[in-house]
């Protein structure tokens, strides 16, 4: 997955590029299965452990959700890399 965001900040053109690489292992443990199933499982665990305080239907754009999920995904060799220019 690759994202590119171009924007103006204080009149200066900026760009952030982010990429995520995930590789499947076989027909069952595909990259899609890992990048969908693992974040859901990790978020569920964090919720049950009381580490996520948000309740209801919440988009995972809250730092309290995405930060620990991305951190734990690294244990499964799934990393999001950002570069700003």
PDB file of N, CA and C in Angstrom:
ATOM      1  N   UNK A   1       0.860  -1.160   0.000  1.00  0.00           N
ATOM      2  CA  UNK A   1       0.000   0.000   0.000  1.00  0.00           C
ATOM      3  C   UNK A   1       0.908   1.225   0.000  1.00  0.00           C
ATOM      4  N   UNK A   2       0.526   2.212  -0.790  1.00  0.00           N
ATOM      5  CA  UNK A   2       1.300   3.441  -0.873  1.00  0.00           C
ATOM      6  C   UNK A   2       0.338   4.624  -0.890  1.00  0.00           C
ATOM      7  N   UNK A   3       0.657   5.627  -0.058  1.00  0.00           N
ATOM      8  CA  UNK A   3      -0.142   6.858  -0.014  1.00  0.00           C
ATOM      9  C   UNK A   3       0.795   8.028  -0.257  1.00  0.00           C
ATOM     10  N   UNK A   4       0.271   9.028  -0.960  1.00  0.00           N
ATOM     11  CA  UNK A   4       1.009  10.275  -1.132  1.00  0.00           C
ATOM     12  C   UNK A   4       0.052  11.428  -0.873  1.00  0.00           C
ATOM     13  N   UNK A   5       0.425  12.284   0.047  1.00  0.00           N
ATOM     14  CA  UNK A   5      -0.381  13.448   0.406  1.00  0.00           C
ATOM     15  C   UNK A   5       0.428  14.695   0.098  1.00  0.00           C
ATOM     16  N   UNK A   6      -0.133  15.564  -0.724  1.00  0.00           N
ATOM     17  CA  UNK A   6       0.489  16.855  -1.028  1.00  0.00           C
ATOM     18  C   UNK A   6      -0.394  17.938  -0.432  1.00  0.00           C
ATOM     19  N   UNK A   7       0.253  18.920   0.225  1.00  0.00           N
ATOM     20  CA  UNK A   7      -0.511  19.966   0.896  1.00  0.00           C
ATOM     21  C   UNK A   7       0.357  21.205   1.065  1.00  0.00           C
ATOM     22  N   UNK A   8      -0.311  22.316   1.347  1.00  0.00           N
ATOM     23  CA  UNK A   8       0.375  23.571   1.653  1.00  0.00           C
ATOM     24  C   UNK A   8       0.372  23.776   3.157  1.00  0.00           C
ATOM     25  N   UNK A   9       1.522  24.123   3.688  1.00  0.00           N
ATOM     26  CA  UNK A   9       1.616  24.446   5.117  1.00  0.00           C
ATOM     27  C   UNK A   9       2.411  25.741   5.236  1.00  0.00           C
ATOM     28  N   UNK A  10       1.765  26.767   5.755  1.00  0.00           N
ATOM     29  CA  UNK A  10       2.382  28.092   5.868  1.00  0.00           C
ATOM     30  C   UNK A  10       2.911  28.571   4.514  1.00  0.00           C
ATOM     31  N   UNK A  11       2.153  28.286   3.449  1.00  0.00           N
ATOM     32  CA  UNK A  11       2.522  28.722   2.121  1.00  0.00           C
ATOM     33  C   UNK A  11       3.602  27.887   1.441  1.00  0.00           C
ATOM     34  N   UNK A  12       4.028  26.816   2.094  1.00  0.00           N
ATOM     35  CA  UNK A  12       5.078  25.964   1.535  1.00  0.00           C
ATOM     36  C   UNK A  12       4.470  24.627   1.122  1.00  0.00           C
ATOM     37  N   UNK A  13       4.793  24.200  -0.114  1.00  0.00           N
ATOM     38  CA  UNK A  13       4.322  22.906  -0.604  1.00  0.00           C
ATOM     39  C   UNK A  13       5.022  21.787   0.162  1.00  0.00           C
ATOM     40  N   UNK A  14       4.247  20.867   0.730  1.00  0.00           N
ATOM     41  CA  UNK A  14       4.780  19.719   1.478  1.00  0.00           C
ATOM     42  C   UNK A  14       4.238  18.439   0.869  1.00  0.00           C
ATOM     43  N   UNK A  15       4.920  17.351   1.180  1.00  0.00           N
ATOM     44  CA  UNK A  15       4.458  16.040   0.724  1.00  0.00           C
ATOM     45  C   UNK A  15       4.818  14.993   1.775  1.00  0.00           C
ATOM     46  N   UNK A  16       3.882  14.118   2.044  1.00  0.00           N
ATOM     47  CA  UNK A  16       4.127  12.969   2.902  1.00  0.00           C
ATOM     48  C   UNK A  16       3.834  11.726   2.083  1.00  0.00           C
ATOM     49  N   UNK A  17       4.785  10.807   2.080  1.00  0.00           N
ATOM     50  CA  UNK A  17       4.571   9.519   1.435  1.00  0.00           C
ATOM     51  C   UNK A  17       4.639   8.448   2.523  1.00  0.00           C
ATOM     52  N   UNK A  18       3.736   7.508   2.439  1.00  0.00           N
ATOM     53  CA  UNK A  18       3.712   6.406   3.395  1.00  0.00           C
ATOM     54  C   UNK A  18       3.524   5.112   2.619  1.00  0.00           C
ATOM     55  N   UNK A  19       4.259   4.098   3.032  1.00  0.00           N
ATOM     56  CA  UNK A  19       4.066   2.799   2.392  1.00  0.00           C
ATOM     57  C   UNK A  19       4.050   1.690   3.434  1.00  0.00           C
ATOM     58  N   UNK A  20       3.307   0.664   3.114  1.00  0.00           N
ATOM     59  CA  UNK A  20       3.170  -0.490   3.977  1.00  0.00           C
ATOM     60  C   UNK A  20       3.395  -1.725   3.109  1.00  0.00           C
ATOM     61  N   UNK A  21       4.258  -2.586   3.586  1.00  0.00           N
ATOM     62  CA  UNK A  21       4.527  -3.821   2.853  1.00  0.00           C
ATOM     63  C   UNK A  21       4.185  -4.995   3.747  1.00  0.00           C
ATOM     64  N   UNK A  22       3.393  -5.906   3.211  1.00  0.00           N
ATOM     65  CA  UNK A  22       3.030  -7.135   3.926  1.00  0.00           C
ATOM     66  C   UNK A  22       3.084  -8.272   2.915  1.00  0.00           C
ATOM     67  N   UNK A  23       3.648  -9.377   3.322  1.00  0.00           N
ATOM     68  CA  UNK A  23       3.782 -10.523   2.438  1.00  0.00           C
ATOM     69  C   UNK A  23       3.024 -11.706   3.011  1.00  0.00           C
ATOM     70  N   UNK A  24       2.275 -12.368   2.173  1.00  0.00           N
ATOM     71  CA  UNK A  24       1.567 -13.564   2.603  1.00  0.00           C
ATOM     72  C   UNK A  24       2.503 -14.750   2.715  1.00  0.00           C
ATOM     73  N   UNK A  25       2.079 -15.735   3.487  1.00  0.00           N
ATOM     74  CA  UNK A  25       2.893 -16.937   3.684  1.00  0.00           C
ATOM     75  C   UNK A  25       2.386 -18.112   2.847  1.00  0.00           C
ATOM     76  N   UNK A  26       1.052 -18.195   2.710  1.00  0.00           N
ATOM     77  CA  UNK A  26       0.458 -19.298   1.954  1.00  0.00           C
ATOM     78  C   UNK A  26      -0.976 -18.911   1.594  1.00  0.00           C
ATOM     79  N   UNK A  27      -1.770 -19.888   1.159  1.00  0.00           N
ATOM     80  CA  UNK A  27      -3.144 -19.594   0.722  1.00  0.00           C
ATOM     81  C   UNK A  27      -4.056 -19.168   1.860  1.00  0.00           C
ATOM     82  N   UNK A  28      -3.701 -19.520   3.079  1.00  0.00           N
ATOM     83  CA  UNK A  28      -4.517 -19.142   4.241  1.00  0.00           C
ATOM     84  C   UNK A  28      -4.019 -17.854   4.877  1.00  0.00           C
ATOM     85  N   UNK A  29      -2.731 -17.782   5.138  1.00  0.00           N
ATOM     86  CA  UNK A  29      -2.133 -16.604   5.766  1.00  0.00           C
ATOM     87  C   UNK A  29      -1.650 -15.639   4.692  1.00  0.00           C
ATOM     88  N   UNK A  30      -2.619 -15.068   3.978  1.00  0.00           N
ATOM     89  CA  UNK A  30      -2.315 -14.125   2.903  1.00  0.00           C
ATOM     90  C   UNK A  30      -2.004 -12.751   3.486  1.00  0.00           C
ATOM     91  N   UNK A  31      -1.434 -11.888   2.664  1.00  0.00           N
ATOM     92  CA  UNK A  31      -1.181 -10.515   3.098  1.00  0.00           C
ATOM     93  C   UNK A  31      -2.501  -9.835   3.463  1.00  0.00           C
ATOM     94  N   UNK A  32      -3.556 -10.102   2.706  1.00  0.00           N
ATOM     95  CA  UNK A  32      -4.861  -9.513   2.996  1.00  0.00           C
ATOM     96  C   UNK A  32      -5.377  -9.996   4.347  1.00  0.00           C
ATOM     97  N   UNK A  33      -5.253 -11.285   4.616  1.00  0.00           N
ATOM     98  CA  UNK A  33      -5.709 -11.826   5.899  1.00  0.00           C
ATOM     99  C   UNK A  33      -4.951 -11.189   7.055  1.00  0.00           C
ATOM    100  N   UNK A  34      -3.645 -11.013   6.870  1.00  0.00           N
ATOM    101  CA  UNK A  34      -2.832 -10.416   7.936  1.00  0.00           C
ATOM    102  C   UNK A  34      -3.196  -8.954   8.174  1.00  0.00           C
ATOM    103  N   UNK A  35      -3.359  -8.185   7.090  1.00  0.00           N
ATOM    104  CA  UNK A  35      -3.583  -6.751   7.253  1.00  0.00           C
ATOM    105  C   UNK A  35      -5.021  -6.402   7.634  1.00  0.00           C
ATOM    106  N   UNK A  36      -5.916  -7.360   7.549  1.00  0.00           N
ATOM    107  CA  UNK A  36      -7.294  -7.152   8.012  1.00  0.00           C
ATOM    108  C   UNK A  36      -7.487  -7.794   9.382  1.00  0.00           C
ATOM    109  N   UNK A  37      -7.115  -9.051   9.491  1.00  0.00           N
ATOM    110  CA  UNK A  37      -7.363  -9.807  10.714  1.00  0.00           C
ATOM    111  C   UNK A  37      -6.515  -9.388  11.898  1.00  0.00           C
ATOM    112  N   UNK A  38      -5.218  -9.163  11.673  1.00  0.00           N
ATOM    113  CA  UNK A  38      -4.341  -8.818  12.797  1.00  0.00           C
ATOM    114  C   UNK A  38      -4.694  -7.476  13.440  1.00  0.00           C
ATOM    115  N   UNK A  39      -4.918  -6.400  12.676  1.00  0.00           N
ATOM    116  CA  UNK A  39      -5.296  -5.145  13.333  1.00  0.00           C
ATOM    117  C   UNK A  39      -6.594  -5.277  14.137  1.00  0.00           C
ATOM    118  N   UNK A  40      -7.549  -6.024  13.606  1.00  0.00           N
ATOM    119  CA  UNK A  40      -8.801  -6.230  14.335  1.00  0.00           C
ATOM    120  C   UNK A  40      -8.553  -6.995  15.628  1.00  0.00           C
ATOM    121  N   UNK A  41      -7.753  -8.049  15.557  1.00  0.00           N
ATOM    122  CA  UNK A  41      -7.451  -8.839  16.751  1.00  0.00           C
ATOM    123  C   UNK A  41      -6.681  -8.013  17.783  1.00  0.00           C
ATOM    124  N   UNK A  42      -5.722  -7.237  17.325  1.00  0.00           N
ATOM    125  CA  UNK A  42      -4.926  -6.404  18.236  1.00  0.00           C
ATOM    126  C   UNK A  42      -5.810  -5.354  18.900  1.00  0.00           C
ATOM    127  N   UNK A  43      -6.657  -4.691  18.114  1.00  0.00           N
ATOM    128  CA  UNK A  43      -7.556  -3.670  18.673  1.00  0.00           C
ATOM    129  C   UNK A  43      -8.529  -4.286  19.676  1.00  0.00           C
ATOM    130  N   UNK A  44      -9.020  -5.484  19.379  1.00  0.00           N
ATOM    131  CA  UNK A  44      -9.925  -6.172  20.301  1.00  0.00           C
ATOM    132  C   UNK A  44      -9.217  -6.464  21.607  1.00  0.00           C
ATOM    133  N   UNK A  45      -7.984  -6.954  21.524  1.00  0.00           N
ATOM    134  CA  UNK A  45      -7.205  -7.241  22.729  1.00  0.00           C
ATOM    135  C   UNK A  45      -6.988  -5.979  23.555  1.00  0.00           C
ATOM    136  N   UNK A  46      -6.620  -4.873  22.879  1.00  0.00           N
ATOM    137  CA  UNK A  46      -6.404  -3.609  23.577  1.00  0.00           C
ATOM    138  C   UNK A  46      -7.678  -3.111  24.246  1.00  0.00           C
ATOM    139  N   UNK A  47      -8.800  -3.293  23.581  1.00  0.00           N
ATOM    140  CA  UNK A  47     -10.087  -2.901  24.143  1.00  0.00           C
ATOM    141  C   UNK A  47     -10.392  -3.712  25.398  1.00  0.00           C
ATOM    142  N   UNK A  48     -10.189  -5.019  25.326  1.00  0.00           N
ATOM    143  CA  UNK A  48     -10.450  -5.895  26.476  1.00  0.00           C
ATOM    144  C   UNK A  48      -9.502  -5.618  27.639  1.00  0.00           C
ATOM    145  N   UNK A  49      -8.295  -5.176  27.328  1.00  0.00           N
ATOM    146  CA  UNK A  49      -7.319  -4.845  28.366  1.00  0.00           C
ATOM    147  C   UNK A  49      -7.531  -3.441  28.933  1.00  0.00           C
ATOM    148  N   UNK A  50      -8.514  -2.713  28.388  1.00  0.00           N
ATOM    149  CA  UNK A  50      -8.801  -1.364  28.873  1.00  0.00           C
ATOM    150  C   UNK A  50      -7.831  -0.315  28.372  1.00  0.00           C
ATOM    151  N   UNK A  51      -7.050  -0.630  27.351  1.00  0.00           N
ATOM    152  CA  UNK A  51      -6.065   0.312  26.828  1.00  0.00           C
ATOM    153  C   UNK A  51      -6.651   1.244  25.776  1.00  0.00           C
ATOM    154  N   UNK A  52      -7.854   0.946  25.291  1.00  0.00           N
ATOM    155  CA  UNK A  52      -8.592   1.837  24.401  1.00  0.00           C
ATOM    156  C   UNK A  52      -9.828   2.287  25.165  1.00  0.00           C
ATOM    157  N   UNK A  53      -9.941   3.579  25.362  1.00  0.00           N
ATOM    158  CA  UNK A  53     -11.052   4.130  26.150  1.00  0.00           C
ATOM    159  C   UNK A  53     -12.266   4.492  25.300  1.00  0.00           C
ATOM    160  N   UNK A  54     -12.065   4.720  24.008  1.00  0.00           N
ATOM    161  CA  UNK A  54     -13.166   5.109  23.118  1.00  0.00           C
ATOM    162  C   UNK A  54     -14.210   3.992  23.066  1.00  0.00           C
ATOM    163  N   UNK A  55     -15.461   4.362  22.963  1.00  0.00           N
ATOM    164  CA  UNK A  55     -16.552   3.394  22.910  1.00  0.00           C
ATOM    165  C   UNK A  55     -17.473   3.721  21.744  1.00  0.00           C
ATOM    166  N   UNK A  56     -18.229   2.726  21.318  1.00  0.00           N
ATOM    167  CA  UNK A  56     -19.157   2.898  20.210  1.00  0.00           C
ATOM    168  C   UNK A  56     -18.462   2.613  18.891  1.00  0.00           C
ATOM    169  N   UNK A  57     -19.069   3.070  17.828  1.00  0.00           N
ATOM    170  CA  UNK A  57     -18.478   2.895  16.498  1.00  0.00           C
ATOM    171  C   UNK A  57     -17.448   4.010  16.310  1.00  0.00           C
ATOM    172  N   UNK A  58     -16.184   3.624  16.256  1.00  0.00           N
ATOM    173  CA  UNK A  58     -15.101   4.595  16.210  1.00  0.00           C
ATOM    174  C   UNK A  58     -14.176   4.259  15.043  1.00  0.00           C
ATOM    175  N   UNK A  59     -13.846   5.253  14.243  1.00  0.00           N
ATOM    176  CA  UNK A  59     -12.879   5.035  13.167  1.00  0.00           C
ATOM    177  C   UNK A  59     -11.485   4.944  13.784  1.00  0.00           C
ATOM    178  N   UNK A  60     -10.619   4.108  13.225  1.00  0.00           N
ATOM    179  CA  UNK A  60      -9.293   3.947  13.820  1.00  0.00           C
ATOM    180  C   UNK A  60      -8.312   5.069  13.474  1.00  0.00           C
ATOM    181  N   UNK A  61      -8.801   6.298  13.469  1.00  0.00           N
ATOM    182  CA  UNK A  61      -7.929   7.440  13.212  1.00  0.00           C
ATOM    183  C   UNK A  61      -7.520   8.119  14.514  1.00  0.00           C
ATOM    184  N   UNK A  62      -7.931   7.551  15.630  1.00  0.00           N
ATOM    185  CA  UNK A  62      -7.530   8.071  16.932  1.00  0.00           C
ATOM    186  C   UNK A  62      -6.164   7.510  17.295  1.00  0.00           C
ATOM    187  N   UNK A  63      -5.289   8.368  17.773  1.00  0.00           N
ATOM    188  CA  UNK A  63      -3.933   7.956  18.127  1.00  0.00           C
ATOM    189  C   UNK A  63      -3.929   6.825  19.152  1.00  0.00           C
ATOM    190  N   UNK A  64      -4.889   6.826  20.076  1.00  0.00           N
ATOM    191  CA  UNK A  64      -4.934   5.765  21.090  1.00  0.00           C
ATOM    192  C   UNK A  64      -5.244   4.400  20.471  1.00  0.00           C
ATOM    193  N   UNK A  65      -5.751   4.399  19.241  1.00  0.00           N
ATOM    194  CA  UNK A  65      -6.020   3.135  18.554  1.00  0.00           C
ATOM    195  C   UNK A  65      -4.875   2.793  17.597  1.00  0.00           C
ATOM    196  N   UNK A  66      -4.565   3.711  16.678  1.00  0.00           N
ATOM    197  CA  UNK A  66      -3.606   3.332  15.638  1.00  0.00           C
ATOM    198  C   UNK A  66      -2.167   3.197  16.134  1.00  0.00           C
ATOM    199  N   UNK A  67      -1.769   3.975  17.128  1.00  0.00           N
ATOM    200  CA  UNK A  67      -0.389   3.880  17.609  1.00  0.00           C
ATOM    201  C   UNK A  67      -0.047   2.478  18.144  1.00  0.00           C
ATOM    202  N   UNK A  68      -0.804   1.965  19.119  1.00  0.00           N
ATOM    203  CA  UNK A  68      -0.448   0.632  19.632  1.00  0.00           C
ATOM    204  C   UNK A  68      -0.681  -0.484  18.612  1.00  0.00           C
ATOM    205  N   UNK A  69      -1.657  -0.321  17.730  1.00  0.00           N
ATOM    206  CA  UNK A  69      -1.897  -1.350  16.708  1.00  0.00           C
ATOM    207  C   UNK A  69      -0.719  -1.399  15.739  1.00  0.00           C
ATOM    208  N   UNK A  70      -0.277  -0.239  15.245  1.00  0.00           N
ATOM    209  CA  UNK A  70       0.871  -0.217  14.338  1.00  0.00           C
ATOM    210  C   UNK A  70       2.130  -0.744  15.012  1.00  0.00           C
ATOM    211  N   UNK A  71       2.294  -0.404  16.288  1.00  0.00           N
ATOM    212  CA  UNK A  71       3.470  -0.881  17.024  1.00  0.00           C
ATOM    213  C   UNK A  71       3.472  -2.407  17.113  1.00  0.00           C
ATOM    214  N   UNK A  72       2.334  -2.991  17.452  1.00  0.00           N
ATOM    215  CA  UNK A  72       2.271  -4.448  17.584  1.00  0.00           C
ATOM    216  C   UNK A  72       2.347  -5.152  16.229  1.00  0.00           C
ATOM    217  N   UNK A  73       1.865  -4.518  15.175  1.00  0.00           N
ATOM    218  CA  UNK A  73       1.966  -5.114  13.841  1.00  0.00           C
ATOM    219  C   UNK A  73       3.423  -5.325  13.428  1.00  0.00           C
ATOM    220  N   UNK A  74       4.321  -4.511  13.967  1.00  0.00           N
ATOM    221  CA  UNK A  74       5.737  -4.677  13.649  1.00  0.00           C
ATOM    222  C   UNK A  74       6.255  -6.038  14.090  1.00  0.00           C
ATOM    223  N   UNK A  75       5.653  -6.610  15.124  1.00  0.00           N
ATOM    224  CA  UNK A  75       6.049  -7.943  15.581  1.00  0.00           C
ATOM    225  C   UNK A  75       5.713  -9.009  14.536  1.00  0.00           C
ATOM    226  N   UNK A  76       4.820  -8.674  13.610  1.00  0.00           N
ATOM    227  CA  UNK A  76       4.427  -9.577  12.529  1.00  0.00           C
ATOM    228  C   UNK A  76       5.048  -9.152  11.197  1.00  0.00           C
ATOM    229  N   UNK A  77       6.100  -8.326  11.265  1.00  0.00           N
ATOM    230  CA  UNK A  77       6.802  -7.812  10.080  1.00  0.00           C
ATOM    231  C   UNK A  77       5.903  -7.012   9.150  1.00  0.00           C
ATOM    232  N   UNK A  78       4.966  -6.278   9.730  1.00  0.00           N
ATOM    233  CA  UNK A  78       4.113  -5.365   8.970  1.00  0.00           C
ATOM    234  C   UNK A  78       4.427  -3.960   9.508  1.00  0.00           C
ATOM    235  N   UNK A  79       4.987  -3.133   8.621  1.00  0.00           N
ATOM    236  CA  UNK A  79       5.421  -1.807   9.059  1.00  0.00           C
ATOM    237  C   UNK A  79       4.889  -0.738   8.119  1.00  0.00           C
ATOM    238  N   UNK A  80       4.520   0.386   8.716  1.00  0.00           N
ATOM    239  CA  UNK A  80       4.151   1.568   7.951  1.00  0.00           C
ATOM    240  C   UNK A  80       5.321   2.538   8.045  1.00  0.00           C
ATOM    241  N   UNK A  81       5.844   2.939   6.899  1.00  0.00           N
ATOM    242  CA  UNK A  81       6.993   3.842   6.858  1.00  0.00           C
ATOM    243  C   UNK A  81       6.536   5.155   6.237  1.00  0.00           C
ATOM    244  N   UNK A  82       6.786   6.274   6.940  1.00  0.00           N
ATOM    245  CA  UNK A  82       6.417   7.597   6.435  1.00  0.00           C
ATOM    246  C   UNK A  82       7.666   8.420   6.162  1.00  0.00           C
ATOM    247  N   UNK A  83       7.566   9.247   5.110  1.00  0.00           N
ATOM    248  CA  UNK A  83       8.655  10.142   4.762  1.00  0.00           C
ATOM    249  C   UNK A  83       8.032  11.477   4.378  1.00  0.00           C
ATOM    250  N   UNK A  84       8.511  12.549   4.976  1.00  0.00           N
ATOM    251  CA  UNK A  84       7.988  13.884   4.672  1.00  0.00           C
ATOM    252  C   UNK A  84       9.037  14.683   3.948  1.00  0.00           C
ATOM    253  N   UNK A  85       8.583  15.413   2.924  1.00  0.00           N
ATOM    254  CA  UNK A  85       9.505  16.292   2.196  1.00  0.00           C
ATOM    255  C   UNK A  85       8.852  17.626   1.932  1.00  0.00           C
TER     256      UNK A  85
END
